[in-house]
């Protein structure tokens, strides 16, 4: 039986003010989660939940969650080398290389060294950002835990275009080129985003699967409870091919955990209150705030 650690817990709202600044920290910064803070891919006791979610997504419709656009073989090779290298370095008890295949002891699978196959062995979603002559675009998306956005809508778009709908992101988008430069040639970095959800379901694709009630699927109905959904976003440069790997790990902090801590609870209320009307609407936080006032 493979022993895995408890999930990492991140609380990026504790400064009590909501903003969309890059907030880049050096990868490996200590956030109180021990060795997991130094892992690109985090395997923990909830791995089965992430694995099952990915398998459900692929069975539903692969193109809804997996997209490619202008991904050159040389770029994919470098991304594969990074992913495999970090899995072998960070999790030697769970992964082993056997010729041109990777053995995953967690799933019992022997997989080819390609991004689509590797993505099914890790909890995180991954993207590859490419750049040619100053033009950048998302060349690959394996997105099975989306937060109300779709791979099909973002693939092929630039950093600027991808983030344009986010209220308050204008200041960051004004230096989009510098952000991509940092992703490719500096770092690695880690940053966090967060939002409030009424469930702890990983898949919040804007299009519900067939047979799902759209109102239930879209969530954010807080009368029966809520969760803080966090994203640990890691960027790792692939400078030799003018590209970067972008890794997203979704996590949750429960309502009970937050309300039992005056610091966590007060800073959350303060952060939500500090949102603009547009940000509250985008994040679905208006109803949450209304319920706290009642």
Protein backbone atom coordinates (compact mmCIF):
# COMPACT_ATOMS: atom_id res chain seq x y z
CA UNK A 1 0.00 0.00 0.00
CA UNK A 2 1.47 3.34 -1.10
CA UNK A 3 1.55 5.93 1.67
CA UNK A 4 0.91 9.51 0.59
CA UNK A 5 0.88 12.74 2.64
CA UNK A 6 -2.16 14.77 3.62
CA UNK A 7 -3.15 17.42 1.04
CA UNK A 8 -1.45 20.80 1.15
CA UNK A 9 -3.63 23.67 2.38
CA UNK A 10 -3.29 27.17 0.94
CA UNK A 11 -5.03 30.30 2.22
CA UNK A 12 -4.16 33.07 -0.28
CA UNK A 13 -6.95 35.42 0.86
CA UNK A 14 -5.48 36.09 4.33
CA UNK A 15 -4.15 39.57 3.54
CA UNK A 16 -7.83 40.55 3.53
CA UNK A 17 -7.75 42.40 0.20
CA UNK A 18 -8.74 40.96 -3.16
CA UNK A 19 -6.52 41.75 -6.13
CA UNK A 20 -5.45 40.12 -9.36
CA UNK A 21 -1.78 41.11 -9.28
CA UNK A 22 0.63 38.42 -10.47
CA UNK A 23 1.81 37.74 -6.90
CA UNK A 24 4.67 35.56 -8.12
CA UNK A 25 6.71 33.82 -5.46
CA UNK A 26 9.86 31.76 -6.06
CA UNK A 27 8.98 28.10 -6.51
CA UNK A 28 9.69 26.21 -3.31
CA UNK A 29 8.57 29.06 -1.03
CA UNK A 30 7.45 27.62 2.31
CA UNK A 31 3.68 27.99 2.75
CA UNK A 32 3.53 25.66 5.73
CA UNK A 33 3.08 22.39 3.83
CA UNK A 34 6.54 20.97 4.28
CA UNK A 35 7.98 19.01 1.40
CA UNK A 36 4.84 19.39 -0.74
CA UNK A 37 5.61 23.08 -1.24
CA UNK A 38 8.76 21.99 -3.05
CA UNK A 39 7.01 19.57 -5.41
CA UNK A 40 5.88 20.58 -8.89
CA UNK A 41 3.29 17.80 -8.81
CA UNK A 42 1.60 17.07 -5.49
CA UNK A 43 0.53 13.49 -4.81
CA UNK A 44 -1.47 13.09 -1.62
CA UNK A 45 -4.17 11.01 0.00
CA UNK A 46 -6.79 12.46 -2.37
CA UNK A 47 -5.05 11.33 -5.56
CA UNK A 48 -7.90 8.94 -6.42
CA UNK A 49 -10.36 11.85 -6.55
CA UNK A 50 -8.28 13.71 -9.13
CA UNK A 51 -7.62 10.59 -11.13
CA UNK A 52 -11.31 9.62 -11.28
CA UNK A 53 -12.24 13.14 -12.36
CA UNK A 54 -9.79 13.01 -15.26
CA UNK A 55 -11.04 9.63 -16.42
CA UNK A 56 -14.65 10.88 -16.34
CA UNK A 57 -13.69 13.90 -18.43
CA UNK A 58 -11.96 11.80 -21.07
CA UNK A 59 -14.90 9.42 -21.26
CA UNK A 60 -17.33 12.32 -21.65
CA UNK A 61 -15.62 14.04 -24.62
CA UNK A 62 -11.83 14.35 -24.90
CA UNK A 63 -11.85 17.54 -26.99
CA UNK A 64 -13.84 19.33 -24.27
CA UNK A 65 -10.83 19.05 -21.95
CA UNK A 66 -7.79 18.42 -24.21
CA UNK A 67 -6.74 20.91 -26.87
CA UNK A 68 -3.68 21.56 -29.04
CA UNK A 69 -2.81 24.47 -31.30
CA UNK A 70 0.56 24.90 -32.95
CA UNK A 71 2.42 22.66 -30.51
CA UNK A 72 5.69 21.76 -32.19
CA UNK A 73 7.15 18.29 -31.50
CA UNK A 74 10.32 19.87 -30.11
CA UNK A 75 8.28 21.85 -27.57
CA UNK A 76 6.25 18.83 -26.52
CA UNK A 77 9.47 16.85 -26.11
CA UNK A 78 10.90 19.47 -23.74
CA UNK A 79 7.67 19.60 -21.75
CA UNK A 80 7.65 15.80 -21.50
CA UNK A 81 11.28 15.80 -20.35
CA UNK A 82 10.43 18.28 -17.58
CA UNK A 83 7.33 16.40 -16.41
CA UNK A 84 9.05 13.01 -16.40
CA UNK A 85 12.17 14.41 -14.79
CA UNK A 86 10.24 15.99 -11.92
CA UNK A 87 8.13 12.87 -11.35
CA UNK A 88 11.25 10.70 -11.12
CA UNK A 89 13.10 13.23 -8.96
CA UNK A 90 10.29 14.09 -6.56
CA UNK A 91 8.39 10.78 -6.38
CA UNK A 92 10.88 7.92 -6.92
CA UNK A 93 8.69 5.47 -4.98
CA UNK A 94 5.74 6.12 -7.28
CA UNK A 95 7.41 6.39 -10.71
CA UNK A 96 10.13 4.55 -12.62
CA UNK A 97 11.44 4.79 -16.17
CA UNK A 98 11.47 1.59 -18.22
CA UNK A 99 12.99 2.32 -21.59
CA UNK A 100 10.67 4.71 -23.39
CA UNK A 101 7.75 4.20 -21.00
CA UNK A 102 6.97 5.53 -17.54
CA UNK A 103 5.76 3.13 -14.87
CA UNK A 104 3.25 4.65 -12.45
CA UNK A 105 2.90 2.55 -9.31
CA UNK A 106 -0.15 4.56 -8.20
CA UNK A 107 -2.24 3.57 -11.21
CA UNK A 108 -0.39 0.40 -12.19
CA UNK A 109 -0.01 1.72 -15.73
CA UNK A 110 2.90 1.74 -18.14
CA UNK A 111 2.52 4.82 -20.31
CA UNK A 112 4.24 6.33 -23.37
CA UNK A 113 6.21 9.53 -22.94
CA UNK A 114 3.65 11.97 -24.31
CA UNK A 115 1.74 14.78 -22.68
CA UNK A 116 -1.76 13.35 -23.01
CA UNK A 117 -0.75 10.11 -21.29
CA UNK A 118 1.35 11.80 -18.61
CA UNK A 119 -1.46 14.18 -17.70
CA UNK A 120 -3.66 11.25 -16.67
CA UNK A 121 -1.08 10.19 -14.07
CA UNK A 122 -0.92 13.50 -12.19
CA UNK A 123 -3.50 15.45 -10.15
CA UNK A 124 -2.74 18.78 -11.81
CA UNK A 125 -3.95 20.33 -15.05
CA UNK A 126 -1.23 21.47 -17.42
CA UNK A 127 -0.79 24.01 -20.20
CA UNK A 128 2.06 24.86 -22.54
CA UNK A 129 2.58 28.48 -23.56
CA UNK A 130 4.64 29.05 -26.70
CA UNK A 131 6.26 32.14 -28.16
CA UNK A 132 7.61 32.95 -31.62
CA UNK A 133 8.98 36.38 -32.61
CA UNK A 134 7.30 38.03 -29.66
CA UNK A 135 3.89 36.45 -30.27
CA UNK A 136 2.66 34.11 -27.56
CA UNK A 137 -0.20 31.61 -27.46
CA UNK A 138 -1.52 28.65 -25.51
CA UNK A 139 -0.37 25.66 -27.53
CA UNK A 140 -1.59 22.87 -25.24
CA UNK A 141 -4.28 22.51 -22.59
CA UNK A 142 -5.15 19.46 -20.54
CA UNK A 143 -7.85 20.98 -18.36
CA UNK A 144 -10.01 18.58 -16.35
CA UNK A 145 -10.48 20.83 -13.29
CA UNK A 146 -11.53 24.10 -14.94
CA UNK A 147 -12.85 26.99 -12.85
CA UNK A 148 -15.74 28.14 -15.05
CA UNK A 149 -13.71 28.34 -18.26
CA UNK A 150 -13.23 26.02 -21.20
CA UNK A 151 -10.12 24.73 -22.96
CA UNK A 152 -11.86 25.09 -26.32
CA UNK A 153 -12.37 28.82 -25.69
CA UNK A 154 -8.77 29.55 -24.64
CA UNK A 155 -6.58 27.38 -26.87
CA UNK A 156 -4.50 29.38 -29.32
CA UNK A 157 -5.08 32.67 -27.50
CA UNK A 158 -2.39 34.94 -26.15
CA UNK A 159 -1.76 35.70 -22.48
CA UNK A 160 -3.52 39.02 -22.99
CA UNK A 161 -6.56 37.50 -24.72
CA UNK A 162 -6.85 34.68 -22.19
CA UNK A 163 -7.08 36.99 -19.19
CA UNK A 164 -8.95 39.91 -20.79
CA UNK A 165 -12.37 38.89 -19.32
CA UNK A 166 -11.07 39.00 -15.71
CA UNK A 167 -12.15 42.21 -13.94
CA UNK A 168 -9.20 44.18 -12.64
CA UNK A 169 -6.65 42.33 -14.77
CA UNK A 170 -6.03 45.35 -17.00
CA UNK A 171 -2.92 46.40 -15.10
CA UNK A 172 -1.36 42.95 -15.48
CA UNK A 173 -2.37 42.69 -19.12
CA UNK A 174 -0.61 45.98 -19.82
CA UNK A 175 2.66 44.15 -19.20
CA UNK A 176 1.59 40.83 -20.73
CA UNK A 177 4.78 40.54 -22.75
CA UNK A 178 6.92 40.90 -19.63
CA UNK A 179 4.82 38.26 -17.87
CA UNK A 180 5.40 35.75 -20.66
CA UNK A 181 9.09 36.62 -20.68
CA UNK A 182 9.24 35.83 -16.96
CA UNK A 183 7.43 32.53 -17.49
CA UNK A 184 9.86 31.45 -20.21
CA UNK A 185 13.22 32.75 -19.03
CA UNK A 186 12.87 33.31 -15.28
CA UNK A 187 11.53 31.38 -12.37
CA UNK A 188 10.18 28.86 -11.73
CA UNK A 189 7.40 30.70 -9.91
CA UNK A 190 4.27 29.89 -7.96
CA UNK A 191 1.15 32.00 -7.44
CA UNK A 192 -2.38 31.47 -6.14
CA UNK A 193 -5.91 32.41 -7.06
CA UNK A 194 -9.07 31.64 -5.13
CA UNK A 195 -12.84 31.72 -5.30
CA UNK A 196 -15.92 30.64 -3.36
CA UNK A 197 -17.90 27.58 -4.48
CA UNK A 198 -20.90 25.73 -3.08
CA UNK A 199 -19.29 22.33 -3.72
CA UNK A 200 -15.89 20.69 -3.87
CA UNK A 201 -16.30 19.27 -7.36
CA UNK A 202 -13.13 19.61 -9.41
CA UNK A 203 -14.76 20.03 -12.82
CA UNK A 204 -16.48 23.38 -13.21
CA UNK A 205 -16.52 23.47 -17.01
CA UNK A 206 -19.10 26.05 -18.16
CA UNK A 207 -20.88 23.37 -20.22
CA UNK A 208 -22.48 20.70 -17.99
CA UNK A 209 -22.26 17.06 -19.09
CA UNK A 210 -25.36 15.54 -20.64
CA UNK A 211 -27.92 14.74 -17.97
CA UNK A 212 -26.61 17.20 -15.38
CA UNK A 213 -28.92 19.91 -14.02
CA UNK A 214 -27.32 23.19 -15.22
CA UNK A 215 -28.30 25.09 -12.06
CA UNK A 216 -26.70 22.47 -9.84
CA UNK A 217 -23.69 22.09 -12.14
CA UNK A 218 -22.86 25.79 -12.20
CA UNK A 219 -23.00 25.86 -8.41
CA UNK A 220 -22.46 28.96 -6.29
CA UNK A 221 -25.72 28.40 -4.42
CA UNK A 222 -24.42 29.05 -0.93
CA UNK A 223 -27.50 28.49 1.22
CA UNK A 224 -26.43 24.92 2.05
CA UNK A 225 -22.75 25.65 2.55
CA UNK A 226 -19.59 26.60 0.72
CA UNK A 227 -15.90 25.88 0.10
CA UNK A 228 -12.89 28.03 -0.71
CA UNK A 229 -11.47 26.77 -3.99
CA UNK A 230 -7.78 27.53 -4.48
CA UNK A 231 -5.49 27.18 -7.46
CA UNK A 232 -1.79 26.72 -7.01
CA UNK A 233 -0.37 27.91 -10.33
CA UNK A 234 3.23 27.06 -11.14
CA UNK A 235 5.21 28.31 -14.12
CA UNK A 236 8.33 26.50 -15.29
CA UNK A 237 10.33 27.84 -18.21
CA UNK A 238 11.43 25.88 -21.25
CA UNK A 239 13.79 28.56 -22.61
CA UNK A 240 15.54 26.37 -25.18
CA UNK A 241 12.26 26.19 -27.14
CA UNK A 242 10.88 29.61 -26.09
CA UNK A 243 8.02 28.10 -24.14
CA UNK A 244 6.81 27.46 -20.59
CA UNK A 245 4.90 24.80 -18.72
CA UNK A 246 1.97 26.08 -16.65
CA UNK A 247 0.69 23.75 -13.92
CA UNK A 248 -2.61 24.21 -12.03
CA UNK A 249 -3.45 22.32 -8.85
CA UNK A 250 -6.96 22.82 -7.47
CA UNK A 251 -7.54 22.48 -3.73
CA UNK A 252 -10.25 23.23 -1.19
CA UNK A 253 -10.57 24.67 2.29
CA UNK A 254 -13.86 23.83 3.99
CA UNK A 255 -16.34 26.26 5.49
CA UNK A 256 -15.81 24.62 8.88
CA UNK A 257 -12.03 25.04 8.72
CA UNK A 258 -12.41 28.72 7.92
CA UNK A 259 -15.16 29.59 10.38
CA UNK A 260 -13.29 27.89 13.22
CA UNK A 261 -10.40 30.30 12.67
CA UNK A 262 -11.19 33.98 13.36
CA UNK A 263 -8.18 35.04 11.27
CA UNK A 264 -9.23 33.01 8.23
CA UNK A 265 -12.88 34.02 8.51
CA UNK A 266 -12.36 37.74 9.11
CA UNK A 267 -9.79 38.04 6.33
CA UNK A 268 -12.12 36.21 3.92
CA UNK A 269 -15.04 38.55 4.61
CA UNK A 270 -12.71 41.53 4.29
CA UNK A 271 -11.31 40.26 0.98
CA UNK A 272 -14.76 39.65 -0.52
CA UNK A 273 -15.97 43.07 0.62
CA UNK A 274 -12.94 44.64 -1.06
CA UNK A 275 -13.92 43.22 -4.47
CA UNK A 276 -15.37 45.54 -7.08
CA UNK A 277 -18.94 44.87 -8.17
CA UNK A 278 -17.58 43.42 -11.40
CA UNK A 279 -15.19 41.10 -9.55
CA UNK A 280 -17.94 39.94 -7.19
CA UNK A 281 -20.14 39.11 -10.16
CA UNK A 282 -17.31 37.34 -12.03
CA UNK A 283 -16.38 35.31 -8.95
CA UNK A 284 -19.98 34.59 -7.97
CA UNK A 285 -19.33 36.20 -4.60
CA UNK A 286 -22.29 38.59 -4.53
CA UNK A 287 -24.69 35.98 -3.16
CA UNK A 288 -22.11 34.79 -0.64
CA UNK A 289 -21.70 38.30 0.68
CA UNK A 290 -25.46 38.84 0.82
CA UNK A 291 -25.90 35.71 2.93
CA UNK A 292 -23.24 36.84 5.39
CA UNK A 293 -25.04 40.14 5.85
CA UNK A 294 -28.38 38.47 6.60
